[in-house]
PDB file of N, CA and C in Angstrom:
ATOM      1  N   MET A   1      54.634  62.870  48.250  1.00  0.00           N
ATOM      2  CA  MET A   1      55.687  63.442  49.056  1.00  0.00           C
ATOM      3  C   MET A   1      56.588  64.292  48.168  1.00  0.00           C
ATOM      4  N   ALA A   2      56.856  65.498  48.611  1.00  0.00           N
ATOM      5  CA  ALA A   2      57.759  66.406  47.915  1.00  0.00           C
ATOM      6  C   ALA A   2      59.068  66.515  48.697  1.00  0.00           C
ATOM      7  N   VAL A   3      60.094  67.006  48.020  1.00  0.00           N
ATOM      8  CA  VAL A   3      61.379  67.277  48.658  1.00  0.00           C
ATOM      9  C   VAL A   3      61.658  68.769  48.494  1.00  0.00           C
ATOM     10  N   TRP A   4      61.972  69.432  49.603  1.00  0.00           N
ATOM     11  CA  TRP A   4      62.179  70.874  49.616  1.00  0.00           C
ATOM     12  C   TRP A   4      63.600  71.209  50.035  1.00  0.00           C
ATOM     13  N   LEU A   5      64.198  72.165  49.359  1.00  0.00           N
ATOM     14  CA  LEU A   5      65.489  72.711  49.744  1.00  0.00           C
ATOM     15  C   LEU A   5      65.225  73.882  50.683  1.00  0.00           C
ATOM     16  N   VAL A   6      65.852  73.859  51.850  1.00  0.00           N
ATOM     17  CA  VAL A   6      65.665  74.900  52.855  1.00  0.00           C
ATOM     18  C   VAL A   6      67.036  75.466  53.210  1.00  0.00           C
ATOM     19  N   ARG A   7      67.099  76.758  53.395  1.00  0.00           N
ATOM     20  CA  ARG A   7      68.340  77.429  53.799  1.00  0.00           C
ATOM     21  C   ARG A   7      68.186  77.983  55.209  1.00  0.00           C
ATOM     22  N   ALA A   8      69.280  77.961  55.958  1.00  0.00           N
ATOM     23  CA  ALA A   8      69.276  78.456  57.337  1.00  0.00           C
ATOM     24  C   ALA A   8      70.036  79.776  57.414  1.00  0.00           C
ATOM     25  N   GLY A   9      69.597  80.737  56.620  1.00  0.00           N
ATOM     26  CA  GLY A   9      70.259  82.034  56.545  1.00  0.00           C
ATOM     27  C   GLY A   9      71.240  82.080  55.398  1.00  0.00           C
ATOM     28  N   SER A  10      71.521  83.260  54.910  1.00  0.00           N
ATOM     29  CA  SER A  10      72.391  83.404  53.742  1.00  0.00           C
ATOM     30  C   SER A  10      73.813  82.935  54.010  1.00  0.00           C
ATOM     31  N   GLN A  11      74.229  82.954  55.271  1.00  0.00           N
ATOM     32  CA  GLN A  11      75.565  82.505  55.648  1.00  0.00           C
ATOM     33  C   GLN A  11      75.529  81.310  56.603  1.00  0.00           C
ATOM     34  N   GLY A  12      74.357  80.698  56.744  1.00  0.00           N
ATOM     35  CA  GLY A  12      74.221  79.571  57.665  1.00  0.00           C
ATOM     36  C   GLY A  12      74.093  79.994  59.116  1.00  0.00           C
ATOM     37  N   GLU A  13      73.802  81.263  59.340  1.00  0.00           N
ATOM     38  CA  GLU A  13      73.779  81.810  60.695  1.00  0.00           C
ATOM     39  C   GLU A  13      72.684  81.218  61.585  1.00  0.00           C
ATOM     40  N   TYR A  14      71.666  80.587  60.985  1.00  0.00           N
ATOM     41  CA  TYR A  14      70.578  80.007  61.782  1.00  0.00           C
ATOM     42  C   TYR A  14      70.621  78.484  61.829  1.00  0.00           C
ATOM     43  N   GLU A  15      71.664  77.912  61.272  1.00  0.00           N
ATOM     44  CA  GLU A  15      71.748  76.457  61.153  1.00  0.00           C
ATOM     45  C   GLU A  15      71.628  75.747  62.499  1.00  0.00           C
ATOM     46  N   GLU A  16      72.365  76.199  63.483  1.00  0.00           N
ATOM     47  CA  GLU A  16      72.324  75.546  64.799  1.00  0.00           C
ATOM     48  C   GLU A  16      70.915  75.617  65.391  1.00  0.00           C
ATOM     49  N   ARG A  17      70.251  76.734  65.215  1.00  0.00           N
ATOM     50  CA  ARG A  17      68.877  76.884  65.724  1.00  0.00           C
ATOM     51  C   ARG A  17      67.934  75.897  65.031  1.00  0.00           C
ATOM     52  N   PHE A  18      68.031  75.778  63.714  1.00  0.00           N
ATOM     53  CA  PHE A  18      67.194  74.834  62.964  1.00  0.00           C
ATOM     54  C   PHE A  18      67.384  73.421  63.506  1.00  0.00           C
ATOM     55  N   LEU A  19      68.644  73.033  63.680  1.00  0.00           N
ATOM     56  CA  LEU A  19      68.949  71.664  64.093  1.00  0.00           C
ATOM     57  C   LEU A  19      68.579  71.405  65.552  1.00  0.00           C
ATOM     58  N   SER A  20      68.934  72.319  66.440  1.00  0.00           N
ATOM     59  CA  SER A  20      68.713  72.077  67.869  1.00  0.00           C
ATOM     60  C   SER A  20      67.242  72.171  68.263  1.00  0.00           C
ATOM     61  N   SER A  21      66.469  72.980  67.549  1.00  0.00           N
ATOM     62  CA  SER A  21      65.046  73.128  67.881  1.00  0.00           C
ATOM     63  C   SER A  21      64.161  72.167  67.090  1.00  0.00           C
ATOM     64  N   SER A  22      64.746  71.433  66.140  1.00  0.00           N
ATOM     65  CA  SER A  22      63.987  70.546  65.249  1.00  0.00           C
ATOM     66  C   SER A  22      62.850  71.305  64.571  1.00  0.00           C
ATOM     67  N   ARG A  23      63.209  72.476  64.056  1.00  0.00           N
ATOM     68  CA  ARG A  23      62.255  73.324  63.350  1.00  0.00           C
ATOM     69  C   ARG A  23      62.969  73.960  62.156  1.00  0.00           C
ATOM     70  N   ILE A  24      62.188  74.326  61.157  1.00  0.00           N
ATOM     71  CA  ILE A  24      62.665  75.173  60.075  1.00  0.00           C
ATOM     72  C   ILE A  24      61.872  76.463  60.160  1.00  0.00           C
ATOM     73  N   TYR A  25      62.477  77.546  59.722  1.00  0.00           N
ATOM     74  CA  TYR A  25      61.883  78.872  59.904  1.00  0.00           C
ATOM     75  C   TYR A  25      61.888  79.679  58.613  1.00  0.00           C
ATOM     76  N   VAL A  26      60.926  80.585  58.505  1.00  0.00           N
ATOM     77  CA  VAL A  26      60.985  81.676  57.539  1.00  0.00           C
ATOM     78  C   VAL A  26      61.722  82.782  58.279  1.00  0.00           C
ATOM     79  N   THR A  27      62.949  83.057  57.896  1.00  0.00           N
ATOM     80  CA  THR A  27      63.786  83.966  58.676  1.00  0.00           C
ATOM     81  C   THR A  27      63.808  85.377  58.099  1.00  0.00           C
ATOM     82  N   TRP A  28      62.649  85.999  58.068  1.00  0.00           N
ATOM     83  CA  TRP A  28      62.517  87.386  57.654  1.00  0.00           C
ATOM     84  C   TRP A  28      62.238  88.227  58.888  1.00  0.00           C
ATOM     85  N   ASP A  29      63.044  89.258  59.113  1.00  0.00           N
ATOM     86  CA  ASP A  29      62.787  90.175  60.223  1.00  0.00           C
ATOM     87  C   ASP A  29      61.558  91.029  59.931  1.00  0.00           C
ATOM     88  N   ASN A  30      60.896  91.427  60.989  1.00  0.00           N
ATOM     89  CA  ASN A  30      59.773  92.377  60.933  1.00  0.00           C
ATOM     90  C   ASN A  30      58.573  91.873  60.155  1.00  0.00           C
ATOM     91  N   LEU A  31      58.406  90.581  60.079  1.00  0.00           N
ATOM     92  CA  LEU A  31      57.244  89.991  59.411  1.00  0.00           C
ATOM     93  C   LEU A  31      56.310  89.499  60.520  1.00  0.00           C
ATOM     94  N   HIS A  32      55.593  90.447  61.104  1.00  0.00           N
ATOM     95  CA  HIS A  32      54.828  90.215  62.329  1.00  0.00           C
ATOM     96  C   HIS A  32      53.340  89.999  62.065  1.00  0.00           C
ATOM     97  N   LEU A  33      53.019  88.969  61.299  1.00  0.00           N
ATOM     98  CA  LEU A  33      51.630  88.626  61.083  1.00  0.00           C
ATOM     99  C   LEU A  33      51.545  87.147  60.740  1.00  0.00           C
ATOM    100  N   ASP A  34      50.402  86.579  61.012  1.00  0.00           N
ATOM    101  CA  ASP A  34      50.163  85.164  60.704  1.00  0.00           C
ATOM    102  C   ASP A  34      50.006  85.037  59.195  1.00  0.00           C
ATOM    103  N   LEU A  35      50.999  84.461  58.546  1.00  0.00           N
ATOM    104  CA  LEU A  35      51.010  84.397  57.085  1.00  0.00           C
ATOM    105  C   LEU A  35      49.968  83.438  56.525  1.00  0.00           C
ATOM    106  N   LYS A  36      49.434  82.555  57.353  1.00  0.00           N
ATOM    107  CA  LYS A  36      48.379  81.641  56.897  1.00  0.00           C
ATOM    108  C   LYS A  36      47.120  82.421  56.512  1.00  0.00           C
ATOM    109  N   LYS A  37      46.964  83.614  57.082  1.00  0.00           N
ATOM    110  CA  LYS A  37      45.795  84.447  56.782  1.00  0.00           C
ATOM    111  C   LYS A  37      45.900  85.145  55.433  1.00  0.00           C
ATOM    112  N   ILE A  38      47.074  85.132  54.843  1.00  0.00           N
ATOM    113  CA  ILE A  38      47.260  85.732  53.516  1.00  0.00           C
ATOM    114  C   ILE A  38      46.910  84.675  52.485  1.00  0.00           C
ATOM    115  N   VAL A  39      45.893  84.964  51.674  1.00  0.00           N
ATOM    116  CA  VAL A  39      45.350  83.933  50.787  1.00  0.00           C
ATOM    117  C   VAL A  39      45.815  84.033  49.329  1.00  0.00           C
ATOM    118  N   ASN A  40      46.582  85.075  48.986  1.00  0.00           N
ATOM    119  CA  ASN A  40      47.131  85.121  47.632  1.00  0.00           C
ATOM    120  C   ASN A  40      48.505  85.782  47.650  1.00  0.00           C
ATOM    121  N   ARG A  41      49.290  85.466  46.650  1.00  0.00           N
ATOM    122  CA  ARG A  41      50.671  85.953  46.586  1.00  0.00           C
ATOM    123  C   ARG A  41      50.747  87.470  46.475  1.00  0.00           C
ATOM    124  N   GLY A  42      49.794  88.075  45.823  1.00  0.00           N
ATOM    125  CA  GLY A  42      49.792  89.535  45.705  1.00  0.00           C
ATOM    126  C   GLY A  42      49.720  90.211  47.063  1.00  0.00           C
ATOM    127  N   ASP A  43      48.894  89.678  47.940  1.00  0.00           N
ATOM    128  CA  ASP A  43      48.799  90.235  49.296  1.00  0.00           C
ATOM    129  C   ASP A  43      50.092  90.002  50.068  1.00  0.00           C
ATOM    130  N   LEU A  44      50.726  88.856  49.852  1.00  0.00           N
ATOM    131  CA  LEU A  44      52.007  88.589  50.505  1.00  0.00           C
ATOM    132  C   LEU A  44      53.061  89.592  50.031  1.00  0.00           C
ATOM    133  N   ILE A  45      53.099  89.844  48.748  1.00  0.00           N
ATOM    134  CA  ILE A  45      54.045  90.822  48.204  1.00  0.00           C
ATOM    135  C   ILE A  45      53.797  92.193  48.810  1.00  0.00           C
ATOM    136  N   ALA A  46      52.541  92.572  48.975  1.00  0.00           N
ATOM    137  CA  ALA A  46      52.213  93.867  49.585  1.00  0.00           C
ATOM    138  C   ALA A  46      52.704  93.932  51.029  1.00  0.00           C
ATOM    139  N   GLU A  47      52.559  92.846  51.772  1.00  0.00           N
ATOM    140  CA  GLU A  47      53.044  92.809  53.158  1.00  0.00           C
ATOM    141  C   GLU A  47      54.563  92.888  53.204  1.00  0.00           C
ATOM    142  N   LEU A  48      55.231  92.183  52.295  1.00  0.00           N
ATOM    143  CA  LEU A  48      56.692  92.236  52.247  1.00  0.00           C
ATOM    144  C   LEU A  48      57.182  93.639  51.908  1.00  0.00           C
ATOM    145  N   ALA A  49      56.453  94.351  51.051  1.00  0.00           N
ATOM    146  CA  ALA A  49      56.821  95.715  50.683  1.00  0.00           C
ATOM    147  C   ALA A  49      56.790  96.639  51.896  1.00  0.00           C
ATOM    148  N   LYS A  50      55.918  96.359  52.850  1.00  0.00           N
ATOM    149  CA  LYS A  50      55.852  97.167  54.078  1.00  0.00           C
ATOM    150  C   LYS A  50      57.089  96.971  54.958  1.00  0.00           C
ATOM    151  N   THR A  51      57.757  95.820  54.834  1.00  0.00           N
ATOM    152  CA  THR A  51      58.931  95.553  55.663  1.00  0.00           C
ATOM    153  C   THR A  51      60.230  95.976  54.988  1.00  0.00           C
ATOM    154  N   ASP A  52      60.190  96.220  53.679  1.00  0.00           N
ATOM    155  CA  ASP A  52      61.379  96.625  52.918  1.00  0.00           C
ATOM    156  C   ASP A  52      60.951  97.696  51.925  1.00  0.00           C
ATOM    157  N   LEU A  53      60.908  98.917  52.400  1.00  0.00           N
ATOM    158  CA  LEU A  53      60.352 100.024  51.610  1.00  0.00           C
ATOM    159  C   LEU A  53      61.144 100.319  50.336  1.00  0.00           C
ATOM    160  N   ASP A  54      62.418  99.957  50.300  1.00  0.00           N
ATOM    161  CA  ASP A  54      63.257 100.238  49.132  1.00  0.00           C
ATOM    162  C   ASP A  54      63.307  99.084  48.133  1.00  0.00           C
ATOM    163  N   ALA A  55      62.641  97.992  48.434  1.00  0.00           N
ATOM    164  CA  ALA A  55      62.720  96.810  47.581  1.00  0.00           C
ATOM    165  C   ALA A  55      62.020  97.035  46.244  1.00  0.00           C
ATOM    166  N   LYS A  56      62.646  96.557  45.207  1.00  0.00           N
ATOM    167  CA  LYS A  56      62.058  96.609  43.869  1.00  0.00           C
ATOM    168  C   LYS A  56      61.068  95.450  43.721  1.00  0.00           C
ATOM    169  N   PRO A  57      60.098  95.569  42.810  1.00  0.00           N
ATOM    170  CA  PRO A  57      59.084  94.521  42.636  1.00  0.00           C
ATOM    171  C   PRO A  57      59.667  93.123  42.404  1.00  0.00           C
ATOM    172  N   ARG A  58      60.746  93.031  41.650  1.00  0.00           N
ATOM    173  CA  ARG A  58      61.342  91.707  41.377  1.00  0.00           C
ATOM    174  C   ARG A  58      61.861  91.052  42.663  1.00  0.00           C
ATOM    175  N   LYS A  59      62.487  91.850  43.517  1.00  0.00           N
ATOM    176  CA  LYS A  59      62.992  91.334  44.789  1.00  0.00           C
ATOM    177  C   LYS A  59      61.834  90.857  45.664  1.00  0.00           C
ATOM    178  N   LEU A  60      60.774  91.628  45.719  1.00  0.00           N
ATOM    179  CA  LEU A  60      59.600  91.247  46.518  1.00  0.00           C
ATOM    180  C   LEU A  60      58.967  89.969  45.981  1.00  0.00           C
ATOM    181  N   SER A  61      58.886  89.856  44.668  1.00  0.00           N
ATOM    182  CA  SER A  61      58.329  88.656  44.056  1.00  0.00           C
ATOM    183  C   SER A  61      59.202  87.437  44.358  1.00  0.00           C
ATOM    184  N   ASN A  62      60.513  87.620  44.315  1.00  0.00           N
ATOM    185  CA  ASN A  62      61.442  86.542  44.639  1.00  0.00           C
ATOM    186  C   ASN A  62      61.249  86.086  46.081  1.00  0.00           C
ATOM    187  N   HIS A  63      61.162  87.029  47.002  1.00  0.00           N
ATOM    188  CA  HIS A  63      60.952  86.680  48.409  1.00  0.00           C
ATOM    189  C   HIS A  63      59.615  85.978  48.613  1.00  0.00           C
ATOM    190  N   ALA A  64      58.589  86.463  47.961  1.00  0.00           N
ATOM    191  CA  ALA A  64      57.274  85.816  48.073  1.00  0.00           C
ATOM    192  C   ALA A  64      57.333  84.387  47.543  1.00  0.00           C
ATOM    193  N   SER A  65      58.105  84.171  46.491  1.00  0.00           N
ATOM    194  CA  SER A  65      58.243  82.826  45.920  1.00  0.00           C
ATOM    195  C   SER A  65      58.949  81.868  46.872  1.00  0.00           C
ATOM    196  N   GLN A  66      59.735  82.391  47.782  1.00  0.00           N
ATOM    197  CA  GLN A  66      60.392  81.563  48.786  1.00  0.00           C
ATOM    198  C   GLN A  66      59.476  81.312  49.992  1.00  0.00           C
ATOM    199  N   ILE A  67      58.713  82.311  50.367  1.00  0.00           N
ATOM    200  CA  ILE A  67      57.873  82.220  51.567  1.00  0.00           C
ATOM    201  C   ILE A  67      56.576  81.466  51.301  1.00  0.00           C
ATOM    202  N   TRP A  68      55.928  81.726  50.175  1.00  0.00           N
ATOM    203  CA  TRP A  68      54.615  81.152  49.875  1.00  0.00           C
ATOM    204  C   TRP A  68      54.573  79.633  50.031  1.00  0.00           C
ATOM    205  N   PRO A  69      55.511  78.883  49.437  1.00  0.00           N
ATOM    206  CA  PRO A  69      55.451  77.421  49.596  1.00  0.00           C
ATOM    207  C   PRO A  69      55.586  76.970  51.050  1.00  0.00           C
ATOM    208  N   PHE A  70      56.401  77.664  51.822  1.00  0.00           N
ATOM    209  CA  PHE A  70      56.584  77.310  53.231  1.00  0.00           C
ATOM    210  C   PHE A  70      55.253  77.355  53.978  1.00  0.00           C
ATOM    211  N   ILE A  71      54.445  78.328  53.647  1.00  0.00           N
ATOM    212  CA  ILE A  71      53.166  78.527  54.342  1.00  0.00           C
ATOM    213  C   ILE A  71      52.065  77.657  53.749  1.00  0.00           C
ATOM    214  N   HIS A  72      51.950  77.627  52.417  1.00  0.00           N
ATOM    215  CA  HIS A  72      50.767  77.067  51.768  1.00  0.00           C
ATOM    216  C   HIS A  72      50.970  75.772  50.976  1.00  0.00           C
ATOM    217  N   THR A  73      52.200  75.378  50.707  1.00  0.00           N
ATOM    218  CA  THR A  73      52.418  74.243  49.812  1.00  0.00           C
ATOM    219  C   THR A  73      53.067  73.042  50.494  1.00  0.00           C
ATOM    220  N   MET A  74      54.006  73.299  51.399  1.00  0.00           N
ATOM    221  CA  MET A  74      54.656  72.194  52.107  1.00  0.00           C
ATOM    222  C   MET A  74      53.618  71.410  52.901  1.00  0.00           C
ATOM    223  N   ASN A  75      53.852  70.105  53.016  1.00  0.00           N
ATOM    224  CA  ASN A  75      52.927  69.229  53.737  1.00  0.00           C
ATOM    225  C   ASN A  75      53.661  68.384  54.765  1.00  0.00           C
ATOM    226  N   ILE A  76      52.926  67.965  55.774  1.00  0.00           N
ATOM    227  CA  ILE A  76      53.464  67.001  56.719  1.00  0.00           C
ATOM    228  C   ILE A  76      53.860  65.759  55.928  1.00  0.00           C
ATOM    229  N   GLY A  77      55.035  65.240  56.208  1.00  0.00           N
ATOM    230  CA  GLY A  77      55.556  64.075  55.497  1.00  0.00           C
ATOM    231  C   GLY A  77      56.503  64.421  54.371  1.00  0.00           C
ATOM    232  N   ASP A  78      56.491  65.679  53.901  1.00  0.00           N
ATOM    233  CA  ASP A  78      57.451  66.093  52.881  1.00  0.00           C
ATOM    234  C   ASP A  78      58.855  66.078  53.467  1.00  0.00           C
ATOM    235  N   ARG A  79      59.840  65.858  52.608  1.00  0.00           N
ATOM    236  CA  ARG A  79      61.237  65.821  53.029  1.00  0.00           C
ATOM    237  C   ARG A  79      61.867  67.209  52.917  1.00  0.00           C
ATOM    238  N   ILE A  80      62.850  67.448  53.781  1.00  0.00           N
ATOM    239  CA  ILE A  80      63.605  68.686  53.805  1.00  0.00           C
ATOM    240  C   ILE A  80      65.073  68.349  53.563  1.00  0.00           C
ATOM    241  N   ILE A  81      65.715  69.108  52.699  1.00  0.00           N
ATOM    242  CA  ILE A  81      67.154  69.030  52.499  1.00  0.00           C
ATOM    243  C   ILE A  81      67.716  70.377  52.944  1.00  0.00           C
ATOM    244  N   LEU A  82      68.610  70.345  53.914  1.00  0.00           N
ATOM    245  CA  LEU A  82      69.244  71.556  54.421  1.00  0.00           C
ATOM    246  C   LEU A  82      70.757  71.450  54.193  1.00  0.00           C
ATOM    247  N   PRO A  83      71.271  72.102  53.139  1.00  0.00           N
ATOM    248  CA  PRO A  83      72.716  72.094  52.923  1.00  0.00           C
ATOM    249  C   PRO A  83      73.374  73.062  53.913  1.00  0.00           C
ATOM    250  N   SER A  84      74.428  72.608  54.558  1.00  0.00           N
ATOM    251  CA  SER A  84      75.135  73.459  55.504  1.00  0.00           C
ATOM    252  C   SER A  84      75.973  74.490  54.763  1.00  0.00           C
ATOM    253  N   LYS A  85      75.977  75.708  55.267  1.00  0.00           N
ATOM    254  CA  LYS A  85      76.881  76.744  54.765  1.00  0.00           C
ATOM    255  C   LYS A  85      78.152  76.780  55.610  1.00  0.00           C
ATOM    256  N   LEU A  86      78.144  76.046  56.728  1.00  0.00           N
ATOM    257  CA  LEU A  86      79.243  76.094  57.678  1.00  0.00           C
ATOM    258  C   LEU A  86      80.248  74.963  57.502  1.00  0.00           C
ATOM    259  N   GLN A  87      79.799  73.881  56.876  1.00  0.00           N
ATOM    260  CA  GLN A  87      80.671  72.726  56.627  1.00  0.00           C
ATOM    261  C   GLN A  87      80.127  71.974  55.415  1.00  0.00           C
ATOM    262  N   PRO A  88      80.920  71.105  54.807  1.00  0.00           N
ATOM    263  CA  PRO A  88      80.477  70.433  53.575  1.00  0.00           C
ATOM    264  C   PRO A  88      79.582  69.219  53.855  1.00  0.00           C
ATOM    265  N   VAL A  89      78.432  69.467  54.485  1.00  0.00           N
ATOM    266  CA  VAL A  89      77.500  68.393  54.815  1.00  0.00           C
ATOM    267  C   VAL A  89      76.070  68.822  54.475  1.00  0.00           C
ATOM    268  N   ILE A  90      75.187  67.831  54.489  1.00  0.00           N
ATOM    269  CA  ILE A  90      73.765  68.033  54.218  1.00  0.00           C
ATOM    270  C   ILE A  90      72.966  67.377  55.337  1.00  0.00           C
ATOM    271  N   TYR A  91      71.855  68.005  55.687  1.00  0.00           N
ATOM    272  CA  TYR A  91      70.931  67.457  56.677  1.00  0.00           C
ATOM    273  C   TYR A  91      69.628  67.102  55.964  1.00  0.00           C
ATOM    274  N   ILE A  92      69.017  66.002  56.364  1.00  0.00           N
ATOM    275  CA  ILE A  92      67.764  65.556  55.766  1.00  0.00           C
ATOM    276  C   ILE A  92      66.736  65.395  56.877  1.00  0.00           C
ATOM    277  N   GLY A  93      65.542  65.942  56.643  1.00  0.00           N
ATOM    278  CA  GLY A  93      64.479  65.846  57.635  1.00  0.00           C
ATOM    279  C   GLY A  93      63.139  65.595  56.990  1.00  0.00           C
ATOM    280  N   ILE A  94      62.146  65.409  57.845  1.00  0.00           N
ATOM    281  CA  ILE A  94      60.762  65.226  57.407  1.00  0.00           C
ATOM    282  C   ILE A  94      59.900  66.226  58.165  1.00  0.00           C
ATOM    283  N   ILE A  95      59.018  66.908  57.461  1.00  0.00           N
ATOM    284  CA  ILE A  95      58.123  67.881  58.089  1.00  0.00           C
ATOM    285  C   ILE A  95      57.107  67.139  58.941  1.00  0.00           C
ATOM    286  N   THR A  96      56.955  67.582  60.190  1.00  0.00           N
ATOM    287  CA  THR A  96      56.041  66.908  61.114  1.00  0.00           C
ATOM    288  C   THR A  96      54.910  67.804  61.621  1.00  0.00           C
ATOM    289  N   SER A  97      54.832  69.054  61.112  1.00  0.00           N
ATOM    290  CA  SER A  97      53.741  69.931  61.549  1.00  0.00           C
ATOM    291  C   SER A  97      53.347  70.881  60.432  1.00  0.00           C
ATOM    292  N   GLU A  98      52.174  71.440  60.599  1.00  0.00           N
ATOM    293  CA  GLU A  98      51.733  72.524  59.720  1.00  0.00           C
ATOM    294  C   GLU A  98      52.517  73.789  60.070  1.00  0.00           C
ATOM    295  N   TYR A  99      52.377  74.806  59.237  1.00  0.00           N
ATOM    296  CA  TYR A  99      52.951  76.118  59.514  1.00  0.00           C
ATOM    297  C   TYR A  99      52.443  76.636  60.846  1.00  0.00           C
ATOM    298  N   SER A 100      53.324  77.281  61.596  1.00  0.00           N
ATOM    299  CA  SER A 100      52.971  77.847  62.885  1.00  0.00           C
ATOM    300  C   SER A 100      53.513  79.266  62.984  1.00  0.00           C
ATOM    301  N   TYR A 101      52.686  80.149  63.526  1.00  0.00           N
ATOM    302  CA  TYR A 101      53.101  81.529  63.772  1.00  0.00           C
ATOM    303  C   TYR A 101      53.097  81.763  65.272  1.00  0.00           C
ATOM    304  N   ASP A 102      54.231  82.222  65.806  1.00  0.00           N
ATOM    305  CA  ASP A 102      54.346  82.538  67.229  1.00  0.00           C
ATOM    306  C   ASP A 102      54.662  84.025  67.364  1.00  0.00           C
ATOM    307  N   PRO A 103      53.663  84.848  67.657  1.00  0.00           N
ATOM    308  CA  PRO A 103      53.899  86.296  67.744  1.00  0.00           C
ATOM    309  C   PRO A 103      54.852  86.685  68.870  1.00  0.00           C
ATOM    310  N   ASP A 104      55.049  85.809  69.850  1.00  0.00           N
ATOM    311  CA  ASP A 104      55.928  86.123  70.970  1.00  0.00           C
ATOM    312  C   ASP A 104      57.377  85.708  70.742  1.00  0.00           C
ATOM    313  N   ALA A 105      57.648  84.977  69.676  1.00  0.00           N
ATOM    314  CA  ALA A 105      59.017  84.554  69.378  1.00  0.00           C
ATOM    315  C   ALA A 105      59.842  85.759  68.938  1.00  0.00           C
ATOM    316  N   ILE A 106      61.135  85.654  69.125  1.00  0.00           N
ATOM    317  CA  ILE A 106      62.006  86.737  68.681  1.00  0.00           C
ATOM    318  C   ILE A 106      62.212  86.639  67.177  1.00  0.00           C
ATOM    319  N   ASP A 107      62.460  87.782  66.541  1.00  0.00           N
ATOM    320  CA  ASP A 107      62.801  87.800  65.127  1.00  0.00           C
ATOM    321  C   ASP A 107      64.128  87.091  64.949  1.00  0.00           C
ATOM    322  N   PRO A 108      64.289  86.312  63.940  1.00  0.00           N
ATOM    323  CA  PRO A 108      63.371  86.020  62.846  1.00  0.00           C
ATOM    324  C   PRO A 108      62.719  84.644  62.968  1.00  0.00           C
ATOM    325  N   PHE A 109      62.353  84.234  64.178  1.00  0.00           N
ATOM    326  CA  PHE A 109      61.876  82.870  64.412  1.00  0.00           C
ATOM    327  C   PHE A 109      60.376  82.780  64.698  1.00  0.00           C
ATOM    328  N   LYS A 110      59.594  83.671  64.151  1.00  0.00           N
ATOM    329  CA  LYS A 110      58.145  83.691  64.385  1.00  0.00           C
ATOM    330  C   LYS A 110      57.382  82.678  63.526  1.00  0.00           C
ATOM    331  N   HIS A 111      57.925  82.318  62.380  1.00  0.00           N
ATOM    332  CA  HIS A 111      57.244  81.465  61.404  1.00  0.00           C
ATOM    333  C   HIS A 111      58.011  80.152  61.278  1.00  0.00           C
ATOM    334  N   SER A 112      57.348  79.026  61.588  1.00  0.00           N
ATOM    335  CA  SER A 112      58.106  77.772  61.606  1.00  0.00           C
ATOM    336  C   SER A 112      57.239  76.559  61.288  1.00  0.00           C
ATOM    337  N   ARG A 113      57.926  75.461  61.125  1.00  0.00           N
ATOM    338  CA  ARG A 113      57.351  74.116  61.005  1.00  0.00           C
ATOM    339  C   ARG A 113      58.267  73.175  61.774  1.00  0.00           C
ATOM    340  N   SER A 114      57.692  72.182  62.418  1.00  0.00           N
ATOM    341  CA  SER A 114      58.488  71.164  63.102  1.00  0.00           C
ATOM    342  C   SER A 114      59.056  70.186  62.092  1.00  0.00           C
ATOM    343  N   VAL A 115      60.247  69.692  62.409  1.00  0.00           N
ATOM    344  CA  VAL A 115      60.950  68.755  61.542  1.00  0.00           C
ATOM    345  C   VAL A 115      61.551  67.650  62.398  1.00  0.00           C
ATOM    346  N   LYS A 116      61.492  66.445  61.908  1.00  0.00           N
ATOM    347  CA  LYS A 116      62.241  65.344  62.509  1.00  0.00           C
ATOM    348  C   LYS A 116      63.457  65.138  61.611  1.00  0.00           C
ATOM    349  N   TRP A 117      64.646  65.346  62.187  1.00  0.00           N
ATOM    350  CA  TRP A 117      65.860  65.165  61.403  1.00  0.00           C
ATOM    351  C   TRP A 117      66.136  63.686  61.265  1.00  0.00           C
ATOM    352  N   LEU A 118      66.188  63.210  60.034  1.00  0.00           N
ATOM    353  CA  LEU A 118      66.410  61.799  59.737  1.00  0.00           C
ATOM    354  C   LEU A 118      67.891  61.477  59.592  1.00  0.00           C
ATOM    355  N   ALA A 119      68.636  62.421  59.066  1.00  0.00           N
ATOM    356  CA  ALA A 119      70.072  62.236  58.869  1.00  0.00           C
ATOM    357  C   ALA A 119      70.748  63.578  59.006  1.00  0.00           C
ATOM    358  N   THR A 120      71.821  63.612  59.752  1.00  0.00           N
ATOM    359  CA  THR A 120      72.549  64.866  59.931  1.00  0.00           C
ATOM    360  C   THR A 120      74.018  64.651  59.606  1.00  0.00           C
ATOM    361  N   GLY A 121      74.600  65.672  59.039  1.00  0.00           N
ATOM    362  CA  GLY A 121      76.024  65.652  58.754  1.00  0.00           C
ATOM    363  C   GLY A 121      76.451  64.678  57.666  1.00  0.00           C
ATOM    364  N   ILE A 122      75.605  64.488  56.663  1.00  0.00           N
ATOM    365  CA  ILE A 122      75.964  63.610  55.548  1.00  0.00           C
ATOM    366  C   ILE A 122      76.941  64.378  54.645  1.00  0.00           C
ATOM    367  N   PRO A 123      78.121  63.844  54.396  1.00  0.00           N
ATOM    368  CA  PRO A 123      79.076  64.561  53.541  1.00  0.00           C
ATOM    369  C   PRO A 123      78.497  64.812  52.151  1.00  0.00           C
ATOM    370  N   ARG A 124      78.709  66.009  51.642  1.00  0.00           N
ATOM    371  CA  ARG A 124      78.219  66.350  50.309  1.00  0.00           C
ATOM    372  C   ARG A 124      78.801  65.424  49.245  1.00  0.00           C
ATOM    373  N   SER A 125      79.979  64.906  49.492  1.00  0.00           N
ATOM    374  CA  SER A 125      80.614  64.010  48.521  1.00  0.00           C
ATOM    375  C   SER A 125      79.827  62.734  48.298  1.00  0.00           C
ATOM    376  N   HIS A 126      78.861  62.435  49.182  1.00  0.00           N
ATOM    377  CA  HIS A 126      78.020  61.246  48.993  1.00  0.00           C
ATOM    378  C   HIS A 126      76.880  61.486  48.009  1.00  0.00           C
ATOM    379  N   PHE A 127      76.730  62.737  47.557  1.00  0.00           N
ATOM    380  CA  PHE A 127      75.640  63.040  46.638  1.00  0.00           C
ATOM    381  C   PHE A 127      76.152  63.249  45.240  1.00  0.00           C
TER     382      PHE A 127
END
């Protein structure tokens, strides 16, 4: 079992969606393909470059390093730690599904995994 740190947007803008839907997401706009079909990081970087034409190679590599584990490394049963950006609390969950791609979902919620939240609103001061 691994423990993963997950963010719900740079400002916590997707936090309520993560919690209410019991899902975690890869929240990249315009990433309209099933990422499970990408079998190496180089191809993922090439796809990311198509969505951000001005991105430098280091930025693309950084983004790929965040997305790749979500698709190919996380496992059912792994733990999720979601620190809130909106309040001084932490949420803890367990992954309950494989990666899923929903082409009909609105951006940026096309790429997800189901999560069972085990603990919500734990004060950061407890850590």
